Amino acid sequence: MTDEQREKEGPRLMTIPEIAEHRGLSRQRVHRIAKTDPAFPHPVVVPGTTRMKYPQDAIDEYFDTRVLQPGRRTDIEKQRAEDASDTEPSGDE
């Protein structure tokens, strides 16, 4: 397929499962990102289907420019709090 033919067809459209596979994420994670991040690309309406599809170029741009915000390790915080309480002197002495 030539570049000219691709231009006539328009951008490649991807479903959520295809995005997940393409980006190495779970479907659930992609759904959550799409639902909660207003910067996530909007779906394109494709006649004859009810599945939401997204332009691959917009998806690639979104994930390439996305700033990751790592979560907190609550399991470590809990352990540190327990360790701190073990080392504090008690008022019984």
PDB file of N, CA and C in Angstrom:
ATOM      1  N   MET A   1       0.843  -1.169   0.000  1.00  0.00           N
ATOM      2  CA  MET A   1       0.000   0.000   0.000  1.00  0.00           C
ATOM      3  C   MET A   1       0.895   1.241   0.000  1.00  0.00           C
ATOM      4  N   THR A   2       0.596   2.175  -0.862  1.00  0.00           N
ATOM      5  CA  THR A   2       1.398   3.387  -0.957  1.00  0.00           C
ATOM      6  C   THR A   2       0.930   4.423   0.053  1.00  0.00           C
ATOM      7  N   ASP A   3       1.751   5.441   0.273  1.00  0.00           N
ATOM      8  CA  ASP A   3       1.380   6.520   1.189  1.00  0.00           C
ATOM      9  C   ASP A   3       0.133   7.242   0.707  1.00  0.00           C
ATOM     10  N   GLU A   4      -0.011   7.354  -0.600  1.00  0.00           N
ATOM     11  CA  GLU A   4      -1.182   8.022  -1.173  1.00  0.00           C
ATOM     12  C   GLU A   4      -2.456   7.247  -0.843  1.00  0.00           C
ATOM     13  N   GLN A   5      -2.411   5.930  -0.918  1.00  0.00           N
ATOM     14  CA  GLN A   5      -3.575   5.109  -0.587  1.00  0.00           C
ATOM     15  C   GLN A   5      -3.912   5.242   0.896  1.00  0.00           C
ATOM     16  N   ARG A   6      -2.889   5.290   1.750  1.00  0.00           N
ATOM     17  CA  ARG A   6      -3.127   5.437   3.183  1.00  0.00           C
ATOM     18  C   ARG A   6      -3.798   6.769   3.495  1.00  0.00           C
ATOM     19  N   GLU A   7      -3.378   7.830   2.802  1.00  0.00           N
ATOM     20  CA  GLU A   7      -3.974   9.146   3.016  1.00  0.00           C
ATOM     21  C   GLU A   7      -5.449   9.134   2.672  1.00  0.00           C
ATOM     22  N   LYS A   8      -5.818   8.460   1.581  1.00  0.00           N
ATOM     23  CA  LYS A   8      -7.219   8.395   1.163  1.00  0.00           C
ATOM     24  C   LYS A   8      -8.054   7.628   2.188  1.00  0.00           C
ATOM     25  N   GLU A   9      -7.481   6.585   2.781  1.00  0.00           N
ATOM     26  CA  GLU A   9      -8.208   5.778   3.757  1.00  0.00           C
ATOM     27  C   GLU A   9      -8.372   6.503   5.078  1.00  0.00           C
ATOM     28  N   GLY A  10      -7.497   7.420   5.383  1.00  0.00           N
ATOM     29  CA  GLY A  10      -7.541   8.120   6.653  1.00  0.00           C
ATOM     30  C   GLY A  10      -6.673   7.404   7.675  1.00  0.00           C
ATOM     31  N   PRO A  11      -6.694   7.905   8.903  1.00  0.00           N
ATOM     32  CA  PRO A  11      -5.841   7.296   9.936  1.00  0.00           C
ATOM     33  C   PRO A  11      -6.335   5.908  10.319  1.00  0.00           C
ATOM     34  N   ARG A  12      -5.407   5.080  10.751  1.00  0.00           N
ATOM     35  CA  ARG A  12      -5.765   3.741  11.235  1.00  0.00           C
ATOM     36  C   ARG A  12      -6.513   3.909  12.536  1.00  0.00           C
ATOM     37  N   LEU A  13      -7.646   3.232  12.662  1.00  0.00           N
ATOM     38  CA  LEU A  13      -8.458   3.309  13.873  1.00  0.00           C
ATOM     39  C   LEU A  13      -8.259   2.053  14.709  1.00  0.00           C
ATOM     40  N   MET A  14      -8.218   2.246  16.022  1.00  0.00           N
ATOM     41  CA  MET A  14      -7.959   1.144  16.943  1.00  0.00           C
ATOM     42  C   MET A  14      -9.033   1.087  18.020  1.00  0.00           C
ATOM     43  N   THR A  15      -9.409  -0.124  18.413  1.00  0.00           N
ATOM     44  CA  THR A  15     -10.322  -0.318  19.530  1.00  0.00           C
ATOM     45  C   THR A  15      -9.514  -0.327  20.833  1.00  0.00           C
ATOM     46  N   ILE A  16     -10.203  -0.293  21.964  1.00  0.00           N
ATOM     47  CA  ILE A  16      -9.531  -0.330  23.267  1.00  0.00           C
ATOM     48  C   ILE A  16      -8.642  -1.578  23.395  1.00  0.00           C
ATOM     49  N   PRO A  17      -9.127  -2.786  23.056  1.00  0.00           N
ATOM     50  CA  PRO A  17      -8.240  -3.959  23.150  1.00  0.00           C
ATOM     51  C   PRO A  17      -7.008  -3.854  22.247  1.00  0.00           C
ATOM     52  N   GLU A  18      -7.159  -3.258  21.070  1.00  0.00           N
ATOM     53  CA  GLU A  18      -6.018  -3.079  20.176  1.00  0.00           C
ATOM     54  C   GLU A  18      -5.025  -2.070  20.755  1.00  0.00           C
ATOM     55  N   ILE A  19      -5.544  -1.000  21.359  1.00  0.00           N
ATOM     56  CA  ILE A  19      -4.676  -0.016  22.012  1.00  0.00           C
ATOM     57  C   ILE A  19      -3.901  -0.685  23.136  1.00  0.00           C
ATOM     58  N   ALA A  20      -4.611  -1.480  23.942  1.00  0.00           N
ATOM     59  CA  ALA A  20      -3.974  -2.168  25.068  1.00  0.00           C
ATOM     60  C   ALA A  20      -2.830  -3.055  24.586  1.00  0.00           C
ATOM     61  N   GLU A  21      -3.071  -3.814  23.551  1.00  0.00           N
ATOM     62  CA  GLU A  21      -2.031  -4.697  23.019  1.00  0.00           C
ATOM     63  C   GLU A  21      -0.880  -3.880  22.419  1.00  0.00           C
ATOM     64  N   HIS A  22      -1.213  -2.844  21.693  1.00  0.00           N
ATOM     65  CA  HIS A  22      -0.210  -1.991  21.034  1.00  0.00           C
ATOM     66  C   HIS A  22       0.693  -1.297  22.056  1.00  0.00           C
ATOM     67  N   ARG A  23       0.130  -0.877  23.198  1.00  0.00           N
ATOM     68  CA  ARG A  23       0.893  -0.135  24.195  1.00  0.00           C
ATOM     69  C   ARG A  23       1.378  -1.004  25.356  1.00  0.00           C
ATOM     70  N   GLY A  24       1.011  -2.276  25.372  1.00  0.00           N
ATOM     71  CA  GLY A  24       1.467  -3.172  26.440  1.00  0.00           C
ATOM     72  C   GLY A  24       0.768  -2.919  27.766  1.00  0.00           C
ATOM     73  N   LEU A  25      -0.501  -2.552  27.706  1.00  0.00           N
ATOM     74  CA  LEU A  25      -1.304  -2.294  28.907  1.00  0.00           C
ATOM     75  C   LEU A  25      -2.480  -3.253  28.931  1.00  0.00           C
ATOM     76  N   SER A  26      -3.160  -3.302  30.070  1.00  0.00           N
ATOM     77  CA  SER A  26      -4.378  -4.100  30.133  1.00  0.00           C
ATOM     78  C   SER A  26      -5.549  -3.298  29.565  1.00  0.00           C
ATOM     79  N   ARG A  27      -6.582  -4.006  29.120  1.00  0.00           N
ATOM     80  CA  ARG A  27      -7.776  -3.316  28.617  1.00  0.00           C
ATOM     81  C   ARG A  27      -8.379  -2.444  29.704  1.00  0.00           C
ATOM     82  N   GLN A  28      -8.397  -2.971  30.930  1.00  0.00           N
ATOM     83  CA  GLN A  28      -8.974  -2.227  32.041  1.00  0.00           C
ATOM     84  C   GLN A  28      -8.228  -0.918  32.278  1.00  0.00           C
ATOM     85  N   ARG A  29      -6.904  -0.956  32.169  1.00  0.00           N
ATOM     86  CA  ARG A  29      -6.101   0.253  32.380  1.00  0.00           C
ATOM     87  C   ARG A  29      -6.392   1.288  31.299  1.00  0.00           C
ATOM     88  N   VAL A  30      -6.500   0.850  30.051  1.00  0.00           N
ATOM     89  CA  VAL A  30      -6.799   1.778  28.957  1.00  0.00           C
ATOM     90  C   VAL A  30      -8.190   2.380  29.154  1.00  0.00           C
ATOM     91  N   HIS A  31      -9.165   1.551  29.547  1.00  0.00           N
ATOM     92  CA  HIS A  31     -10.517   2.063  29.819  1.00  0.00           C
ATOM     93  C   HIS A  31     -10.477   3.124  30.924  1.00  0.00           C
ATOM     94  N   ARG A  32      -9.730   2.860  31.984  1.00  0.00           N
ATOM     95  CA  ARG A  32      -9.649   3.793  33.111  1.00  0.00           C
ATOM     96  C   ARG A  32      -9.012   5.107  32.673  1.00  0.00           C
ATOM     97  N   ILE A  33      -7.942   5.020  31.884  1.00  0.00           N
ATOM     98  CA  ILE A  33      -7.287   6.237  31.391  1.00  0.00           C
ATOM     99  C   ILE A  33      -8.251   7.027  30.506  1.00  0.00           C
ATOM    100  N   ALA A  34      -8.936   6.334  29.599  1.00  0.00           N
ATOM    101  CA  ALA A  34      -9.868   7.003  28.685  1.00  0.00           C
ATOM    102  C   ALA A  34     -10.997   7.690  29.448  1.00  0.00           C
ATOM    103  N   LYS A  35     -11.421   7.083  30.544  1.00  0.00           N
ATOM    104  CA  LYS A  35     -12.538   7.620  31.325  1.00  0.00           C
ATOM    105  C   LYS A  35     -12.113   8.788  32.217  1.00  0.00           C
ATOM    106  N   THR A  36     -10.911   8.762  32.743  1.00  0.00           N
ATOM    107  CA  THR A  36     -10.515   9.746  33.742  1.00  0.00           C
ATOM    108  C   THR A  36      -9.627  10.874  33.230  1.00  0.00           C
ATOM    109  N   ASP A  37      -8.955  10.691  32.098  1.00  0.00           N
ATOM    110  CA  ASP A  37      -8.039  11.718  31.608  1.00  0.00           C
ATOM    111  C   ASP A  37      -8.685  12.493  30.465  1.00  0.00           C
ATOM    112  N   PRO A  38      -8.979  13.783  30.699  1.00  0.00           N
ATOM    113  CA  PRO A  38      -9.617  14.572  29.636  1.00  0.00           C
ATOM    114  C   PRO A  38      -8.729  14.774  28.411  1.00  0.00           C
ATOM    115  N   ALA A  39      -7.434  14.552  28.543  1.00  0.00           N
ATOM    116  CA  ALA A  39      -6.519  14.712  27.410  1.00  0.00           C
ATOM    117  C   ALA A  39      -6.521  13.488  26.486  1.00  0.00           C
ATOM    118  N   PHE A  40      -7.161  12.389  26.914  1.00  0.00           N
ATOM    119  CA  PHE A  40      -7.197  11.188  26.079  1.00  0.00           C
ATOM    120  C   PHE A  40      -7.968  11.501  24.801  1.00  0.00           C
ATOM    121  N   PRO A  41      -7.482  11.036  23.647  1.00  0.00           N
ATOM    122  CA  PRO A  41      -8.160  11.329  22.373  1.00  0.00           C
ATOM    123  C   PRO A  41      -9.611  10.874  22.367  1.00  0.00           C
ATOM    124  N   HIS A  42     -10.432  11.634  21.658  1.00  0.00           N
ATOM    125  CA  HIS A  42     -11.853  11.300  21.553  1.00  0.00           C
ATOM    126  C   HIS A  42     -12.059  10.206  20.508  1.00  0.00           C
ATOM    127  N   PRO A  43     -13.064   9.352  20.725  1.00  0.00           N
ATOM    128  CA  PRO A  43     -13.320   8.285  19.750  1.00  0.00           C
ATOM    129  C   PRO A  43     -13.895   8.837  18.450  1.00  0.00           C
ATOM    130  N   VAL A  44     -13.732   8.058  17.406  1.00  0.00           N
ATOM    131  CA  VAL A  44     -14.253   8.390  16.083  1.00  0.00           C
ATOM    132  C   VAL A  44     -15.449   7.489  15.834  1.00  0.00           C
ATOM    133  N   VAL A  45     -16.525   8.069  15.321  1.00  0.00           N
ATOM    134  CA  VAL A  45     -17.721   7.286  15.011  1.00  0.00           C
ATOM    135  C   VAL A  45     -17.513   6.586  13.671  1.00  0.00           C
ATOM    136  N   VAL A  46     -17.659   5.271  13.695  1.00  0.00           N
ATOM    137  CA  VAL A  46     -17.514   4.476  12.477  1.00  0.00           C
ATOM    138  C   VAL A  46     -18.874   3.874  12.162  1.00  0.00           C
ATOM    139  N   PRO A  47     -19.444   4.200  11.022  1.00  0.00           N
ATOM    140  CA  PRO A  47     -20.760   3.657  10.668  1.00  0.00           C
ATOM    141  C   PRO A  47     -20.744   2.130  10.639  1.00  0.00           C
ATOM    142  N   GLY A  48     -21.788   1.542  11.172  1.00  0.00           N
ATOM    143  CA  GLY A  48     -21.923   0.090  11.129  1.00  0.00           C
ATOM    144  C   GLY A  48     -21.330  -0.638  12.318  1.00  0.00           C
ATOM    145  N   THR A  49     -20.820   0.089  13.303  1.00  0.00           N
ATOM    146  CA  THR A  49     -20.271  -0.571  14.486  1.00  0.00           C
ATOM    147  C   THR A  49     -20.598   0.262  15.725  1.00  0.00           C
ATOM    148  N   THR A  50     -20.697  -0.405  16.844  1.00  0.00           N
ATOM    149  CA  THR A  50     -20.946   0.293  18.106  1.00  0.00           C
ATOM    150  C   THR A  50     -19.679   0.405  18.939  1.00  0.00           C
ATOM    151  N   ARG A  51     -18.594  -0.189  18.470  1.00  0.00           N
ATOM    152  CA  ARG A  51     -17.325  -0.134  19.209  1.00  0.00           C
ATOM    153  C   ARG A  51     -16.652   1.204  18.986  1.00  0.00           C
ATOM    154  N   MET A  52     -16.163   1.788  20.089  1.00  0.00           N
ATOM    155  CA  MET A  52     -15.447   3.039  19.974  1.00  0.00           C
ATOM    156  C   MET A  52     -14.080   2.761  19.353  1.00  0.00           C
ATOM    157  N   LYS A  53     -13.682   3.621  18.448  1.00  0.00           N
ATOM    158  CA  LYS A  53     -12.370   3.484  17.812  1.00  0.00           C
ATOM    159  C   LYS A  53     -11.653   4.818  17.906  1.00  0.00           C
ATOM    160  N   TYR A  54     -10.333   4.722  18.003  1.00  0.00           N
ATOM    161  CA  TYR A  54      -9.500   5.893  18.203  1.00  0.00           C
ATOM    162  C   TYR A  54      -8.416   5.924  17.132  1.00  0.00           C
ATOM    163  N   PRO A  55      -8.076   7.134  16.632  1.00  0.00           N
ATOM    164  CA  PRO A  55      -7.002   7.219  15.636  1.00  0.00           C
ATOM    165  C   PRO A  55      -5.656   6.838  16.256  1.00  0.00           C
ATOM    166  N   GLN A  56      -4.938   5.948  15.589  1.00  0.00           N
ATOM    167  CA  GLN A  56      -3.670   5.468  16.125  1.00  0.00           C
ATOM    168  C   GLN A  56      -2.669   6.599  16.308  1.00  0.00           C
ATOM    169  N   ASP A  57      -2.621   7.543  15.370  1.00  0.00           N
ATOM    170  CA  ASP A  57      -1.649   8.628  15.510  1.00  0.00           C
ATOM    171  C   ASP A  57      -1.932   9.477  16.751  1.00  0.00           C
ATOM    172  N   ALA A  58      -3.209   9.713  17.071  1.00  0.00           N
ATOM    173  CA  ALA A  58      -3.558  10.480  18.271  1.00  0.00           C
ATOM    174  C   ALA A  58      -3.234   9.687  19.535  1.00  0.00           C
ATOM    175  N   ILE A  59      -3.467   8.382  19.496  1.00  0.00           N
ATOM    176  CA  ILE A  59      -3.157   7.521  20.643  1.00  0.00           C
ATOM    177  C   ILE A  59      -1.652   7.489  20.888  1.00  0.00           C
ATOM    178  N   ASP A  60      -0.878   7.308  19.826  1.00  0.00           N
ATOM    179  CA  ASP A  60       0.582   7.279  19.969  1.00  0.00           C
ATOM    180  C   ASP A  60       1.101   8.604  20.516  1.00  0.00           C
ATOM    181  N   GLU A  61       0.576   9.711  20.005  1.00  0.00           N
ATOM    182  CA  GLU A  61       1.004  11.027  20.491  1.00  0.00           C
ATOM    183  C   GLU A  61       0.644  11.200  21.971  1.00  0.00           C
ATOM    184  N   TYR A  62      -0.558  10.775  22.345  1.00  0.00           N
ATOM    185  CA  TYR A  62      -0.994  10.889  23.741  1.00  0.00           C
ATOM    186  C   TYR A  62      -0.045  10.125  24.667  1.00  0.00           C
ATOM    187  N   PHE A  63       0.230   8.870  24.366  1.00  0.00           N
ATOM    188  CA  PHE A  63       1.066   8.066  25.244  1.00  0.00           C
ATOM    189  C   PHE A  63       2.537   8.499  25.206  1.00  0.00           C
ATOM    190  N   ASP A  64       2.996   9.006  24.074  1.00  0.00           N
ATOM    191  CA  ASP A  64       4.386   9.465  23.980  1.00  0.00           C
ATOM    192  C   ASP A  64       4.622  10.744  24.769  1.00  0.00           C
ATOM    193  N   THR A  65       3.595  11.575  24.924  1.00  0.00           N
ATOM    194  CA  THR A  65       3.752  12.847  25.634  1.00  0.00           C
ATOM    195  C   THR A  65       3.171  12.813  27.039  1.00  0.00           C
ATOM    196  N   ARG A  66       2.572  11.716  27.418  1.00  0.00           N
ATOM    197  CA  ARG A  66       1.914  11.599  28.725  1.00  0.00           C
ATOM    198  C   ARG A  66       2.945  11.601  29.848  1.00  0.00           C
ATOM    199  N   VAL A  67       2.664  12.394  30.868  1.00  0.00           N
ATOM    200  CA  VAL A  67       3.531  12.445  32.040  1.00  0.00           C
ATOM    201  C   VAL A  67       3.015  11.403  33.031  1.00  0.00           C
ATOM    202  N   LEU A  68       3.868  10.444  33.358  1.00  0.00           N
ATOM    203  CA  LEU A  68       3.463   9.389  34.274  1.00  0.00           C
ATOM    204  C   LEU A  68       3.477   9.897  35.706  1.00  0.00           C
ATOM    205  N   GLN A  69       2.480   9.482  36.464  1.00  0.00           N
ATOM    206  CA  GLN A  69       2.394   9.836  37.867  1.00  0.00           C
ATOM    207  C   GLN A  69       2.352   8.542  38.672  1.00  0.00           C
ATOM    208  N   PRO A  70       3.514   8.100  39.141  1.00  0.00           N
ATOM    209  CA  PRO A  70       3.546   6.823  39.850  1.00  0.00           C
ATOM    210  C   PRO A  70       2.687   6.871  41.110  1.00  0.00           C
ATOM    211  N   GLY A  71       2.108   5.757  41.428  1.00  0.00           N
ATOM    212  CA  GLY A  71       1.292   5.659  42.635  1.00  0.00           C
ATOM    213  C   GLY A  71       2.149   5.542  43.875  1.00  0.00           C
ATOM    214  N   ARG A  72       1.492   5.649  45.017  1.00  0.00           N
ATOM    215  CA  ARG A  72       2.194   5.517  46.290  1.00  0.00           C
ATOM    216  C   ARG A  72       2.206   4.058  46.720  1.00  0.00           C
ATOM    217  N   ARG A  73       3.274   3.648  47.353  1.00  0.00           N
ATOM    218  CA  ARG A  73       3.388   2.296  47.875  1.00  0.00           C
ATOM    219  C   ARG A  73       2.861   2.295  49.305  1.00  0.00           C
ATOM    220  N   THR A  74       1.578   2.062  49.457  1.00  0.00           N
ATOM    221  CA  THR A  74       0.976   2.098  50.786  1.00  0.00           C
ATOM    222  C   THR A  74       1.471   0.955  51.664  1.00  0.00           C
ATOM    223  N   ASP A  75       1.893  -0.152  51.055  1.00  0.00           N
ATOM    224  CA  ASP A  75       2.398  -1.262  51.852  1.00  0.00           C
ATOM    225  C   ASP A  75       3.700  -0.872  52.553  1.00  0.00           C
ATOM    226  N   ILE A  76       4.533  -0.074  51.888  1.00  0.00           N
ATOM    227  CA  ILE A  76       5.783   0.372  52.500  1.00  0.00           C
ATOM    228  C   ILE A  76       5.506   1.410  53.579  1.00  0.00           C
ATOM    229  N   GLU A  77       4.573   2.321  53.322  1.00  0.00           N
ATOM    230  CA  GLU A  77       4.234   3.349  54.312  1.00  0.00           C
ATOM    231  C   GLU A  77       3.725   2.706  55.601  1.00  0.00           C
ATOM    232  N   LYS A  78       2.902   1.683  55.462  1.00  0.00           N
ATOM    233  CA  LYS A  78       2.357   1.002  56.635  1.00  0.00           C
ATOM    234  C   LYS A  78       3.486   0.347  57.437  1.00  0.00           C
ATOM    235  N   GLN A  79       4.424  -0.299  56.732  1.00  0.00           N
ATOM    236  CA  GLN A  79       5.553  -0.954  57.394  1.00  0.00           C
ATOM    237  C   GLN A  79       6.420   0.077  58.103  1.00  0.00           C
ATOM    238  N   ARG A  80       6.679   1.219  57.462  1.00  0.00           N
ATOM    239  CA  ARG A  80       7.492   2.264  58.075  1.00  0.00           C
ATOM    240  C   ARG A  80       6.817   2.815  59.329  1.00  0.00           C
ATOM    241  N   ALA A  81       5.511   2.982  59.292  1.00  0.00           N
ATOM    242  CA  ALA A  81       4.774   3.485  60.455  1.00  0.00           C
ATOM    243  C   ALA A  81       4.871   2.484  61.607  1.00  0.00           C
ATOM    244  N   GLU A  82       4.777   1.199  61.293  1.00  0.00           N
ATOM    245  CA  GLU A  82       4.895   0.168  62.329  1.00  0.00           C
ATOM    246  C   GLU A  82       6.307   0.151  62.913  1.00  0.00           C
ATOM    247  N   ASP A  83       7.316   0.280  62.054  1.00  0.00           N
ATOM    248  CA  ASP A  83       8.708   0.306  62.524  1.00  0.00           C
ATOM    249  C   ASP A  83       8.969   1.525  63.397  1.00  0.00           C
ATOM    250  N   ALA A  84       8.406   2.659  63.031  1.00  0.00           N
ATOM    251  CA  ALA A  84       8.591   3.890  63.813  1.00  0.00           C
ATOM    252  C   ALA A  84       7.948   3.767  65.186  1.00  0.00           C
ATOM    253  N   SER A  85       6.790   3.139  65.261  1.00  0.00           N
ATOM    254  CA  SER A  85       6.118   2.996  66.540  1.00  0.00           C
ATOM    255  C   SER A  85       6.861   1.993  67.440  1.00  0.00           C
ATOM    256  N   ASP A  86       7.579   1.042  66.848  1.00  0.00           N
ATOM    257  CA  ASP A  86       8.361   0.070  67.635  1.00  0.00           C
ATOM    258  C   ASP A  86       9.589   0.713  68.267  1.00  0.00           C
ATOM    259  N   THR A  87      10.146   1.743  67.626  1.00  0.00           N
ATOM    260  CA  THR A  87      11.377   2.358  68.108  1.00  0.00           C
ATOM    261  C   THR A  87      11.128   3.562  69.034  1.00  0.00           C
ATOM    262  N   GLU A  88       9.884   4.053  69.087  1.00  0.00           N
ATOM    263  CA  GLU A  88       9.582   5.191  69.959  1.00  0.00           C
ATOM    264  C   GLU A  88       9.567   4.723  71.406  1.00  0.00           C
ATOM    265  N   PRO A  89      10.151   5.517  72.316  1.00  0.00           N
ATOM    266  CA  PRO A  89      10.129   5.121  73.721  1.00  0.00           C
ATOM    267  C   PRO A  89       8.714   5.235  74.275  1.00  0.00           C
ATOM    268  N   SER A  90       8.346   4.319  75.089  1.00  0.00           N
ATOM    269  CA  SER A  90       7.012   4.342  75.679  1.00  0.00           C
ATOM    270  C   SER A  90       7.032   5.181  76.933  1.00  0.00           C
ATOM    271  N   GLY A  91       5.894   5.656  77.384  1.00  0.00           N
ATOM    272  CA  GLY A  91       5.798   6.494  78.561  1.00  0.00           C
ATOM    273  C   GLY A  91       5.832   5.695  79.858  1.00  0.00           C
ATOM    274  N   ASP A  92       5.983   4.379  79.801  1.00  0.00           N
ATOM    275  CA  ASP A  92       5.947   3.510  80.986  1.00  0.00           C
ATOM    276  C   ASP A  92       7.267   3.528  81.736  1.00  0.00           C
ATOM    277  N   GLU A  93       8.330   4.003  81.141  1.00  0.00           N
ATOM    278  CA  GLU A  93       9.656   3.884  81.749  1.00  0.00           C
ATOM    279  C   GLU A  93       9.898   4.932  82.759  1.00  0.00           C
TER     280      GLU A  93
END
